[in-house]
Amino acid sequence: LGLLGTVRLSFGVYNTEDDVERVRAALATVRPGQWT
């Protein structure tokens, strides 16, 4: 695929759309170099 890697979200029966919203909000604030 020409990718170094991916970020994988994988869901179970106990997950909800609140979990999805938390992911969206966190991804909206991610910046390069924060954790390297």
Full PDB file with SEQRES, HELIX, SHEET, SSBOND, CRYST1, ORIGX, SCALE, CONECT and MASTER records, all heavy atoms in Angstrom:
SEQRES   1 A   36  LEU GLY LEU LEU GLY THR VAL ARG LEU SER PHE GLY VAL          
SEQRES   2 A   36  TYR ASN THR GLU ASP ASP VAL GLU ARG VAL ARG ALA ALA          
SEQRES   3 A   36  LEU ALA THR VAL ARG PRO GLY GLN TRP THR                      
HELIX    1 AA1 GLU A   17  LEU A   27  1                                  11    
CRYST1    1.000    1.000    1.000  90.00  90.00  90.00 P 1           1          
ORIGX1      1.000000  0.000000  0.000000        0.00000                         
ORIGX2      0.000000  1.000000  0.000000        0.00000                         
ORIGX3      0.000000  0.000000  1.000000        0.00000                         
SCALE1      1.000000  0.000000  0.000000        0.00000                         
SCALE2      0.000000  1.000000  0.000000        0.00000                         
SCALE3      0.000000  0.000000  1.000000        0.00000                         
ATOM      1  N   LEU A   1       0.814  -1.211   0.000  1.00  0.00           N  
ATOM      2  CA  LEU A   1       0.000   0.000   0.000  1.00  0.00           C  
ATOM      3  C   LEU A   1       0.852   1.268   0.000  1.00  0.00           C  
ATOM      4  O   LEU A   1       0.322   2.371  -0.169  1.00  0.00           O  
ATOM      5  CB  LEU A   1      -0.926   0.013   1.222  1.00  0.00           C  
ATOM      6  CG  LEU A   1      -2.019  -1.057   1.287  1.00  0.00           C  
ATOM      7  CD1 LEU A   1      -2.750  -0.990   2.620  1.00  0.00           C  
ATOM      8  CD2 LEU A   1      -3.004  -0.903   0.130  1.00  0.00           C  
ATOM      9  N   GLY A   2       2.163   1.126   0.219  1.00  0.00           N  
ATOM     10  CA  GLY A   2       3.047   2.280   0.271  1.00  0.00           C  
ATOM     11  C   GLY A   2       2.896   3.078   1.545  1.00  0.00           C  
ATOM     12  O   GLY A   2       3.139   4.297   1.559  1.00  0.00           O  
ATOM     13  N   LEU A   3       2.529   2.403   2.637  1.00  0.00           N  
ATOM     14  CA  LEU A   3       2.287   3.088   3.902  1.00  0.00           C  
ATOM     15  C   LEU A   3       3.274   2.621   4.966  1.00  0.00           C  
ATOM     16  O   LEU A   3       3.606   1.429   5.044  1.00  0.00           O  
ATOM     17  CB  LEU A   3       0.863   2.807   4.390  1.00  0.00           C  
ATOM     18  CG  LEU A   3      -0.274   3.336   3.508  1.00  0.00           C  
ATOM     19  CD1 LEU A   3      -1.613   2.851   4.047  1.00  0.00           C  
ATOM     20  CD2 LEU A   3      -0.250   4.861   3.450  1.00  0.00           C  
ATOM     21  N   LEU A   4       3.712   3.559   5.791  1.00  0.00           N  
ATOM     22  CA  LEU A   4       4.553   3.226   6.935  1.00  0.00           C  
ATOM     23  C   LEU A   4       3.754   2.473   7.991  1.00  0.00           C  
ATOM     24  O   LEU A   4       4.273   1.628   8.719  1.00  0.00           O  
ATOM     25  CB  LEU A   4       5.131   4.512   7.534  1.00  0.00           C  
ATOM     26  CG  LEU A   4       6.093   4.368   8.706  1.00  0.00           C  
ATOM     27  CD1 LEU A   4       7.371   3.672   8.241  1.00  0.00           C  
ATOM     28  CD2 LEU A   4       6.430   5.747   9.280  1.00  0.00           C  
ATOM     29  N   GLY A   5       2.486   2.766   8.064  1.00  0.00           N  
ATOM     30  CA  GLY A   5       1.593   2.132   9.027  1.00  0.00           C  
ATOM     31  C   GLY A   5       0.254   2.854   9.004  1.00  0.00           C  
ATOM     32  O   GLY A   5       0.064   3.819   8.268  1.00  0.00           O  
ATOM     33  N   THR A   6      -0.673   2.369   9.815  1.00  0.00           N  
ATOM     34  CA  THR A   6      -1.972   3.032   9.942  1.00  0.00           C  
ATOM     35  C   THR A   6      -2.360   3.124  11.413  1.00  0.00           C  
ATOM     36  O   THR A   6      -1.770   2.481  12.274  1.00  0.00           O  
ATOM     37  CB  THR A   6      -3.090   2.267   9.187  1.00  0.00           C  
ATOM     38  OG1 THR A   6      -3.397   1.055   9.897  1.00  0.00           O  
ATOM     39  CG2 THR A   6      -2.705   1.960   7.756  1.00  0.00           C  
ATOM     40  N   VAL A   7      -3.368   3.927  11.644  1.00  0.00           N  
ATOM     41  CA  VAL A   7      -4.033   3.986  12.950  1.00  0.00           C  
ATOM     42  C   VAL A   7      -5.333   3.203  12.794  1.00  0.00           C  
ATOM     43  O   VAL A   7      -6.165   3.537  11.955  1.00  0.00           O  
ATOM     44  CB  VAL A   7      -4.326   5.442  13.357  1.00  0.00           C  
ATOM     45  CG1 VAL A   7      -5.076   5.481  14.687  1.00  0.00           C  
ATOM     46  CG2 VAL A   7      -3.026   6.234  13.430  1.00  0.00           C  
ATOM     47  N   ARG A   8      -5.486   2.144  13.581  1.00  0.00           N  
ATOM     48  CA  ARG A   8      -6.627   1.249  13.401  1.00  0.00           C  
ATOM     49  C   ARG A   8      -7.642   1.415  14.532  1.00  0.00           C  
ATOM     50  O   ARG A   8      -7.322   1.205  15.695  1.00  0.00           O  
ATOM     51  CB  ARG A   8      -6.142  -0.205  13.356  1.00  0.00           C  
ATOM     52  CG  ARG A   8      -7.241  -1.206  13.048  1.00  0.00           C  
ATOM     53  CD  ARG A   8      -6.704  -2.625  13.077  1.00  0.00           C  
ATOM     54  NE  ARG A   8      -6.345  -3.042  14.427  1.00  0.00           N  
ATOM     55  CZ  ARG A   8      -5.703  -4.176  14.712  1.00  0.00           C  
ATOM     56  NH1 ARG A   8      -5.325  -4.985  13.736  1.00  0.00           N  
ATOM     57  NH2 ARG A   8      -5.430  -4.488  15.970  1.00  0.00           N  
ATOM     58  N   LEU A   9      -8.855   1.786  14.144  1.00  0.00           N  
ATOM     59  CA  LEU A   9      -9.980   1.789  15.076  1.00  0.00           C  
ATOM     60  C   LEU A   9     -10.726   0.476  14.865  1.00  0.00           C  
ATOM     61  O   LEU A   9     -11.108   0.151  13.748  1.00  0.00           O  
ATOM     62  CB  LEU A   9     -10.936   2.947  14.785  1.00  0.00           C  
ATOM     63  CG  LEU A   9     -10.334   4.316  14.459  1.00  0.00           C  
ATOM     64  CD1 LEU A   9     -11.449   5.305  14.121  1.00  0.00           C  
ATOM     65  CD2 LEU A   9      -9.490   4.822  15.606  1.00  0.00           C  
ATOM     66  N   SER A  10     -10.925  -0.270  15.924  1.00  0.00           N  
ATOM     67  CA  SER A  10     -11.657  -1.535  15.784  1.00  0.00           C  
ATOM     68  C   SER A  10     -12.691  -1.627  16.903  1.00  0.00           C  
ATOM     69  O   SER A  10     -12.397  -1.393  18.072  1.00  0.00           O  
ATOM     70  CB  SER A  10     -10.709  -2.728  15.806  1.00  0.00           C  
ATOM     71  OG  SER A  10      -9.867  -2.734  16.945  1.00  0.00           O  
ATOM     72  N   PHE A  11     -13.919  -1.969  16.514  1.00  0.00           N  
ATOM     73  CA  PHE A  11     -15.075  -1.819  17.387  1.00  0.00           C  
ATOM     74  C   PHE A  11     -15.561  -3.155  17.954  1.00  0.00           C  
ATOM     75  O   PHE A  11     -15.441  -4.206  17.318  1.00  0.00           O  
ATOM     76  CB  PHE A  11     -16.215  -1.153  16.615  1.00  0.00           C  
ATOM     77  CG  PHE A  11     -15.862   0.220  16.116  1.00  0.00           C  
ATOM     78  CD1 PHE A  11     -15.513   0.428  14.784  1.00  0.00           C  
ATOM     79  CD2 PHE A  11     -15.852   1.303  16.976  1.00  0.00           C  
ATOM     80  CE1 PHE A  11     -15.176   1.685  14.317  1.00  0.00           C  
ATOM     81  CE2 PHE A  11     -15.509   2.567  16.525  1.00  0.00           C  
ATOM     82  CZ  PHE A  11     -15.168   2.761  15.192  1.00  0.00           C  
ATOM     83  N   GLY A  12     -16.135  -3.056  19.158  1.00  0.00           N  
ATOM     84  CA  GLY A  12     -16.765  -4.190  19.818  1.00  0.00           C  
ATOM     85  C   GLY A  12     -18.207  -3.878  20.153  1.00  0.00           C  
ATOM     86  O   GLY A  12     -18.697  -2.765  19.928  1.00  0.00           O  
ATOM     87  N   VAL A  13     -18.884  -4.864  20.731  1.00  0.00           N  
ATOM     88  CA  VAL A  13     -20.318  -4.697  21.003  1.00  0.00           C  
ATOM     89  C   VAL A  13     -20.593  -3.613  22.031  1.00  0.00           C  
ATOM     90  O   VAL A  13     -21.709  -3.073  22.089  1.00  0.00           O  
ATOM     91  CB  VAL A  13     -20.950  -6.033  21.472  1.00  0.00           C  
ATOM     92  CG1 VAL A  13     -20.913  -7.062  20.369  1.00  0.00           C  
ATOM     93  CG2 VAL A  13     -20.285  -6.563  22.747  1.00  0.00           C  
ATOM     94  N   TYR A  14     -19.610  -3.273  22.862  1.00  0.00           N  
ATOM     95  CA  TYR A  14     -19.803  -2.280  23.923  1.00  0.00           C  
ATOM     96  C   TYR A  14     -19.467  -0.866  23.480  1.00  0.00           C  
ATOM     97  O   TYR A  14     -19.638   0.081  24.242  1.00  0.00           O  
ATOM     98  CB  TYR A  14     -18.950  -2.651  25.139  1.00  0.00           C  
ATOM     99  CG  TYR A  14     -17.641  -3.301  24.802  1.00  0.00           C  
ATOM    100  CD1 TYR A  14     -16.631  -2.615  24.132  1.00  0.00           C  
ATOM    101  CD2 TYR A  14     -17.423  -4.636  25.118  1.00  0.00           C  
ATOM    102  CE1 TYR A  14     -15.450  -3.227  23.797  1.00  0.00           C  
ATOM    103  CE2 TYR A  14     -16.238  -5.262  24.783  1.00  0.00           C  
ATOM    104  CZ  TYR A  14     -15.253  -4.557  24.126  1.00  0.00           C  
ATOM    105  OH  TYR A  14     -14.073  -5.173  23.783  1.00  0.00           O  
ATOM    106  N   ASN A  15     -18.935  -0.694  22.291  1.00  0.00           N  
ATOM    107  CA  ASN A  15     -18.599   0.660  21.819  1.00  0.00           C  
ATOM    108  C   ASN A  15     -19.837   1.408  21.352  1.00  0.00           C  
ATOM    109  O   ASN A  15     -20.831   0.801  20.944  1.00  0.00           O  
ATOM    110  CB  ASN A  15     -17.577   0.590  20.691  1.00  0.00           C  
ATOM    111  CG  ASN A  15     -16.213   0.129  21.157  1.00  0.00           C  
ATOM    112  OD1 ASN A  15     -15.668  -0.838  20.646  1.00  0.00           O  
ATOM    113  ND2 ASN A  15     -15.662   0.825  22.146  1.00  0.00           N  
ATOM    114  N   THR A  16     -19.772   2.718  21.438  1.00  0.00           N  
ATOM    115  CA  THR A  16     -20.899   3.564  21.079  1.00  0.00           C  
ATOM    116  C   THR A  16     -20.423   4.715  20.199  1.00  0.00           C  
ATOM    117  O   THR A  16     -19.217   4.912  19.987  1.00  0.00           O  
ATOM    118  CB  THR A  16     -21.571   4.152  22.334  1.00  0.00           C  
ATOM    119  OG1 THR A  16     -20.682   5.124  22.918  1.00  0.00           O  
ATOM    120  CG2 THR A  16     -21.902   3.076  23.359  1.00  0.00           C  
ATOM    121  N   GLU A  17     -21.361   5.500  19.724  1.00  0.00           N  
ATOM    122  CA  GLU A  17     -21.013   6.673  18.924  1.00  0.00           C  
ATOM    123  C   GLU A  17     -20.314   7.734  19.764  1.00  0.00           C  
ATOM    124  O   GLU A  17     -19.643   8.614  19.209  1.00  0.00           O  
ATOM    125  CB  GLU A  17     -22.252   7.220  18.231  1.00  0.00           C  
ATOM    126  CG  GLU A  17     -22.760   6.281  17.140  1.00  0.00           C  
ATOM    127  CD  GLU A  17     -23.882   6.876  16.317  1.00  0.00           C  
ATOM    128  OE1 GLU A  17     -24.238   8.048  16.542  1.00  0.00           O  
ATOM    129  OE2 GLU A  17     -24.407   6.164  15.436  1.00  0.00           O  
ATOM    130  N   ASP A  18     -20.441   7.681  21.089  1.00  0.00           N  
ATOM    131  CA  ASP A  18     -19.651   8.574  21.941  1.00  0.00           C  
ATOM    132  C   ASP A  18     -18.154   8.302  21.764  1.00  0.00           C  
ATOM    133  O   ASP A  18     -17.337   9.230  21.791  1.00  0.00           O  
ATOM    134  CB  ASP A  18     -20.038   8.392  23.408  1.00  0.00           C  
ATOM    135  CG  ASP A  18     -21.414   8.948  23.719  1.00  0.00           C  
ATOM    136  OD1 ASP A  18     -21.926   9.759  22.910  1.00  0.00           O  
ATOM    137  OD2 ASP A  18     -21.986   8.566  24.756  1.00  0.00           O  
ATOM    138  N   ASP A  19     -17.785   7.021  21.600  1.00  0.00           N  
ATOM    139  CA  ASP A  19     -16.381   6.681  21.344  1.00  0.00           C  
ATOM    140  C   ASP A  19     -15.924   7.273  20.019  1.00  0.00           C  
ATOM    141  O   ASP A  19     -14.797   7.781  19.908  1.00  0.00           O  
ATOM    142  CB  ASP A  19     -16.203   5.159  21.318  1.00  0.00           C  
ATOM    143  CG  ASP A  19     -16.513   4.506  22.651  1.00  0.00           C  
ATOM    144  OD1 ASP A  19     -16.098   5.071  23.686  1.00  0.00           O  
ATOM    145  OD2 ASP A  19     -17.162   3.446  22.664  1.00  0.00           O  
ATOM    146  N   VAL A  20     -16.773   7.198  19.022  1.00  0.00           N  
ATOM    147  CA  VAL A  20     -16.446   7.767  17.717  1.00  0.00           C  
ATOM    148  C   VAL A  20     -16.234   9.270  17.815  1.00  0.00           C  
ATOM    149  O   VAL A  20     -15.288   9.830  17.251  1.00  0.00           O  
ATOM    150  CB  VAL A  20     -17.545   7.445  16.686  1.00  0.00           C  
ATOM    151  CG1 VAL A  20     -17.304   8.190  15.380  1.00  0.00           C  
ATOM    152  CG2 VAL A  20     -17.633   5.946  16.442  1.00  0.00           C  
ATOM    153  N   GLU A  21     -17.082   9.953  18.553  1.00  0.00           N  
ATOM    154  CA  GLU A  21     -16.957  11.403  18.710  1.00  0.00           C  
ATOM    155  C   GLU A  21     -15.674  11.759  19.446  1.00  0.00           C  
ATOM    156  O   GLU A  21     -15.014  12.752  19.115  1.00  0.00           O  
ATOM    157  CB  GLU A  21     -18.161  11.950  19.467  1.00  0.00           C  
ATOM    158  CG  GLU A  21     -18.063  13.419  19.875  1.00  0.00           C  
ATOM    159  CD  GLU A  21     -17.745  14.362  18.712  1.00  0.00           C  
ATOM    160  OE1 GLU A  21     -18.084  14.041  17.553  1.00  0.00           O  
ATOM    161  OE2 GLU A  21     -17.159  15.428  18.974  1.00  0.00           O  
ATOM    162  N   ARG A  22     -15.279  10.955  20.414  1.00  0.00           N  
ATOM    163  CA  ARG A  22     -14.034  11.227  21.127  1.00  0.00           C  
ATOM    164  C   ARG A  22     -12.841  11.102  20.178  1.00  0.00           C  
ATOM    165  O   ARG A  22     -11.887  11.891  20.247  1.00  0.00           O  
ATOM    166  CB  ARG A  22     -13.877  10.270  22.311  1.00  0.00           C  
ATOM    167  CG  ARG A  22     -12.655  10.564  23.165  1.00  0.00           C  
ATOM    168  CD  ARG A  22     -12.552   9.630  24.352  1.00  0.00           C  
ATOM    169  NE  ARG A  22     -13.503   9.985  25.402  1.00  0.00           N  
ATOM    170  CZ  ARG A  22     -13.645   9.296  26.527  1.00  0.00           C  
ATOM    171  NH1 ARG A  22     -12.932   8.213  26.733  1.00  0.00           N  
ATOM    172  NH2 ARG A  22     -14.520   9.684  27.439  1.00  0.00           N  
ATOM    173  N   VAL A  23     -12.869  10.130  19.289  1.00  0.00           N  
ATOM    174  CA  VAL A  23     -11.814   9.990  18.282  1.00  0.00           C  
ATOM    175  C   VAL A  23     -11.778  11.213  17.378  1.00  0.00           C  
ATOM    176  O   VAL A  23     -10.710  11.782  17.105  1.00  0.00           O  
ATOM    177  CB  VAL A  23     -12.033   8.711  17.438  1.00  0.00           C  
ATOM    178  CG1 VAL A  23     -11.084   8.693  16.237  1.00  0.00           C  
ATOM    179  CG2 VAL A  23     -11.826   7.468  18.282  1.00  0.00           C  
ATOM    180  N   ARG A  24     -12.943  11.619  16.896  1.00  0.00           N  
ATOM    181  CA  ARG A  24     -13.000  12.773  15.998  1.00  0.00           C  
ATOM    182  C   ARG A  24     -12.415  14.012  16.658  1.00  0.00           C  
ATOM    183  O   ARG A  24     -11.604  14.744  16.060  1.00  0.00           O  
ATOM    184  CB  ARG A  24     -14.450  13.043  15.575  1.00  0.00           C  
ATOM    185  CG  ARG A  24     -14.590  14.113  14.492  1.00  0.00           C  
ATOM    186  CD  ARG A  24     -15.934  14.809  14.564  1.00  0.00           C  
ATOM    187  NE  ARG A  24     -16.114  15.522  15.832  1.00  0.00           N  
ATOM    188  CZ  ARG A  24     -15.534  16.679  16.121  1.00  0.00           C  
ATOM    189  NH1 ARG A  24     -14.742  17.294  15.245  1.00  0.00           N  
ATOM    190  NH2 ARG A  24     -15.754  17.255  17.296  1.00  0.00           N  
ATOM    191  N   ALA A  25     -12.813  14.251  17.901  1.00  0.00           N  
ATOM    192  CA  ALA A  25     -12.337  15.439  18.602  1.00  0.00           C  
ATOM    193  C   ALA A  25     -10.833  15.386  18.821  1.00  0.00           C  
ATOM    194  O   ALA A  25     -10.129  16.409  18.692  1.00  0.00           O  
ATOM    195  CB  ALA A  25     -13.069  15.570  19.938  1.00  0.00           C  
ATOM    196  N   ALA A  26     -10.304  14.207  19.134  1.00  0.00           N  
ATOM    197  CA  ALA A  26      -8.864  14.084  19.361  1.00  0.00           C  
ATOM    198  C   ALA A  26      -8.093  14.255  18.061  1.00  0.00           C  
ATOM    199  O   ALA A  26      -7.054  14.936  18.022  1.00  0.00           O  
ATOM    200  CB  ALA A  26      -8.552  12.734  19.994  1.00  0.00           C  
ATOM    201  N   LEU A  27      -8.575  13.676  16.975  1.00  0.00           N  
ATOM    202  CA  LEU A  27      -7.884  13.805  15.697  1.00  0.00           C  
ATOM    203  C   LEU A  27      -7.890  15.249  15.198  1.00  0.00           C  
ATOM    204  O   LEU A  27      -6.969  15.683  14.495  1.00  0.00           O  
ATOM    205  CB  LEU A  27      -8.529  12.896  14.650  1.00  0.00           C  
ATOM    206  CG  LEU A  27      -8.296  11.404  14.816  1.00  0.00           C  
ATOM    207  CD1 LEU A  27      -9.087  10.619  13.766  1.00  0.00           C  
ATOM    208  CD2 LEU A  27      -6.808  11.056  14.728  1.00  0.00           C  
ATOM    209  N   ALA A  28      -8.899  15.994  15.575  1.00  0.00           N  
ATOM    210  CA  ALA A  28      -8.975  17.398  15.154  1.00  0.00           C  
ATOM    211  C   ALA A  28      -7.887  18.247  15.790  1.00  0.00           C  
ATOM    212  O   ALA A  28      -7.575  19.340  15.296  1.00  0.00           O  
ATOM    213  CB  ALA A  28     -10.357  17.964  15.497  1.00  0.00           C  
ATOM    214  N   THR A  29      -7.272  17.750  16.863  1.00  0.00           N  
ATOM    215  CA  THR A  29      -6.269  18.545  17.573  1.00  0.00           C  
ATOM    216  C   THR A  29      -4.868  17.957  17.494  1.00  0.00           C  
ATOM    217  O   THR A  29      -3.941  18.493  18.103  1.00  0.00           O  
ATOM    218  CB  THR A  29      -6.649  18.689  19.058  1.00  0.00           C  
ATOM    219  OG1 THR A  29      -6.720  17.397  19.666  1.00  0.00           O  
ATOM    220  CG2 THR A  29      -7.992  19.387  19.202  1.00  0.00           C  
ATOM    221  N   VAL A  30      -4.674  16.862  16.755  1.00  0.00           N  
ATOM    222  CA  VAL A  30      -3.346  16.255  16.674  1.00  0.00           C  
ATOM    223  C   VAL A  30      -2.435  17.130  15.822  1.00  0.00           C  
ATOM    224  O   VAL A  30      -2.856  17.702  14.819  1.00  0.00           O  
ATOM    225  CB  VAL A  30      -3.427  14.814  16.100  1.00  0.00           C  
ATOM    226  CG1 VAL A  30      -3.882  14.794  14.649  1.00  0.00           C  
ATOM    227  CG2 VAL A  30      -2.091  14.099  16.276  1.00  0.00           C  
ATOM    228  N   ARG A  31      -1.176  17.249  16.263  1.00  0.00           N  
ATOM    229  CA  ARG A  31      -0.211  18.078  15.561  1.00  0.00           C  
ATOM    230  C   ARG A  31       1.103  17.312  15.403  1.00  0.00           C  
ATOM    231  O   ARG A  31       1.454  16.493  16.242  1.00  0.00           O  
ATOM    232  CB  ARG A  31       0.058  19.373  16.348  1.00  0.00           C  
ATOM    233  CG  ARG A  31      -1.166  20.266  16.504  1.00  0.00           C  
ATOM    234  CD  ARG A  31      -1.567  20.903  15.162  1.00  0.00           C  
ATOM    235  NE  ARG A  31      -2.733  21.768  15.308  1.00  0.00           N  
ATOM    236  CZ  ARG A  31      -3.983  21.383  15.138  1.00  0.00           C  
ATOM    237  NH1 ARG A  31      -4.250  20.103  14.853  1.00  0.00           N  
ATOM    238  NH2 ARG A  31      -4.987  22.225  15.279  1.00  0.00           N  
ATOM    239  N   PRO A  32       1.861  17.604  14.350  1.00  0.00           N  
ATOM    240  CA  PRO A  32       3.158  16.928  14.157  1.00  0.00           C  
ATOM    241  C   PRO A  32       4.102  17.197  15.325  1.00  0.00           C  
ATOM    242  O   PRO A  32       4.107  18.283  15.904  1.00  0.00           O  
ATOM    243  CB  PRO A  32       3.694  17.547  12.858  1.00  0.00           C  
ATOM    244  CG  PRO A  32       2.498  18.124  12.168  1.00  0.00           C  
ATOM    245  CD  PRO A  32       1.563  18.551  13.262  1.00  0.00           C  
ATOM    246  N   GLY A  33       4.899  16.174  15.681  1.00  0.00           N  
ATOM    247  CA  GLY A  33       5.975  16.360  16.648  1.00  0.00           C  
ATOM    248  C   GLY A  33       5.567  16.365  18.095  1.00  0.00           C  
ATOM    249  O   GLY A  33       6.403  16.571  18.972  1.00  0.00           O  
ATOM    250  N   GLN A  34       4.271  16.142  18.389  1.00  0.00           N  
ATOM    251  CA  GLN A  34       3.844  16.215  19.786  1.00  0.00           C  
ATOM    252  C   GLN A  34       4.472  15.133  20.652  1.00  0.00           C  
ATOM    253  O   GLN A  34       4.769  15.359  21.819  1.00  0.00           O  
ATOM    254  CB  GLN A  34       2.323  16.073  19.858  1.00  0.00           C  
ATOM    255  CG  GLN A  34       1.546  17.318  19.451  1.00  0.00           C  
ATOM    256  CD  GLN A  34       0.055  17.062  19.490  1.00  0.00           C  
ATOM    257  OE1 GLN A  34      -0.458  16.233  18.754  1.00  0.00           O  
ATOM    258  NE2 GLN A  34      -0.641  17.759  20.361  1.00  0.00           N  
ATOM    259  N   TRP A  35       4.672  13.919  20.084  1.00  0.00           N  
ATOM    260  CA  TRP A  35       5.037  12.779  20.918  1.00  0.00           C  
ATOM    261  C   TRP A  35       6.293  12.061  20.446  1.00  0.00           C  
ATOM    262  O   TRP A  35       6.680  11.062  21.036  1.00  0.00           O  
ATOM    263  CB  TRP A  35       3.895  11.762  20.928  1.00  0.00           C  
ATOM    264  CG  TRP A  35       2.623  12.342  21.432  1.00  0.00           C  
ATOM    265  CD1 TRP A  35       1.623  12.895  20.692  1.00  0.00           C  
ATOM    266  CD2 TRP A  35       2.225  12.472  22.798  1.00  0.00           C  
ATOM    267  NE1 TRP A  35       0.620  13.353  21.509  1.00  0.00           N  
ATOM    268  CE2 TRP A  35       0.955  13.091  22.815  1.00  0.00           C  
ATOM    269  CE3 TRP A  35       2.798  12.110  24.008  1.00  0.00           C  
ATOM    270  CZ2 TRP A  35       0.264  13.365  23.985  1.00  0.00           C  
ATOM    271  CZ3 TRP A  35       2.109  12.377  25.182  1.00  0.00           C  
ATOM    272  CH2 TRP A  35       0.871  13.000  25.159  1.00  0.00           C  
ATOM    273  N   THR A  36       6.960  12.582  19.441  1.00  0.00           N  
ATOM    274  CA  THR A  36       8.049  11.840  18.827  1.00  0.00           C  
ATOM    275  C   THR A  36       9.140  11.456  19.823  1.00  0.00           C  
ATOM    276  O   THR A  36       9.664  10.352  19.807  1.00  0.00           O  
ATOM    277  CB  THR A  36       8.668  12.651  17.676  1.00  0.00           C  
ATOM    278  OG1 THR A  36       7.634  12.971  16.742  1.00  0.00           O  
ATOM    279  CG2 THR A  36       9.765  11.869  16.985  1.00  0.00           C  
TER     280      THR A  36                                                      
MASTER        0    0    0    1    0    0    0    6  279    1    0    3          
END                                                                             
